[in-house]
Amino acid sequence: MIAKIIHKVLLLSIISLAVHGQDAKLGPLGFVRLINAVTIGTGKLDVLIDGKSIRADGYQPGNVTGGIALKPGSHQVVFHREGIKKGETEVQVEQNDTTILIPFAEEIPGNEVKPTVWKIRILRLKQHTSENERTASFVSVSREPEIKIEMRQADGNWQPLLVKRLAVERTEIQQARGYMSVRCGERELSAISVGSSGNFVSVLFEDENGLLCSKTFLDYKFLSAD
């Protein structure tokens, strides 16, 4: 009974995040979710949807939002942080579906006329129904073209995975619950806390000191780069 009440409260909280003050009476909704991997620049990351900021305090690197409810249709999303060129994209929101956006910084080489600059780029992930009960999806927006990570499975062995830049590497999770360690070389990354069925997403990116880090969250569907 308590679990059902908590589920209902969480669902209402997600719907209440509707942009422009929309409420559920307006009809069907779709969702956009954000993972901030922008670590170049200063201050907050400001996010505007259809010209309106969605959070006055902005977002810090590594912040993950819940579902931001929007009416189905086309929406313009803009990311801005001081010291780096803004990034923008158009999202086609579908009813009862979630689009995940990962803004990150990319260096644009200069030439004799233009200096080198940093610009916000956006990786877009789409959901797909998954037949597996528990999976892990590693997504890289690192500057490295390929990263070798290792995930410790239930039998204690370290399973190697090669994660290509701007791509999704998916693998099955062999244990029903508990913590799964993840590492890259000697560097520990965000562990996966397995406690329910779903797709555990780990986003790989460089922190503000240029060191590889990750942010892991639970999604309920398989993701692919759009």
Foldseek 3Di string as FASTA:
>chain_A
DVVVVVVVVVVLVQQCLEPPRDHCVVDFKFWEKEAEQAAPADAAKFKDKQRHTSDPRHHDHGDIDDTHIYHAAKIKMKIDHHQAAIDIDIDGTDGPWYKYKYWYKDWDPDDPVGHIGIYIDIWIKGFDADPAFEKEKEAEQAPDQKFWKWKQAPVRDTHIDIHGHSWIDMDGHDDQFDWIWMGGVPHTEDIDTHHGTFYKYWYWYAHNVRHIYIHIDGDHGDITTD
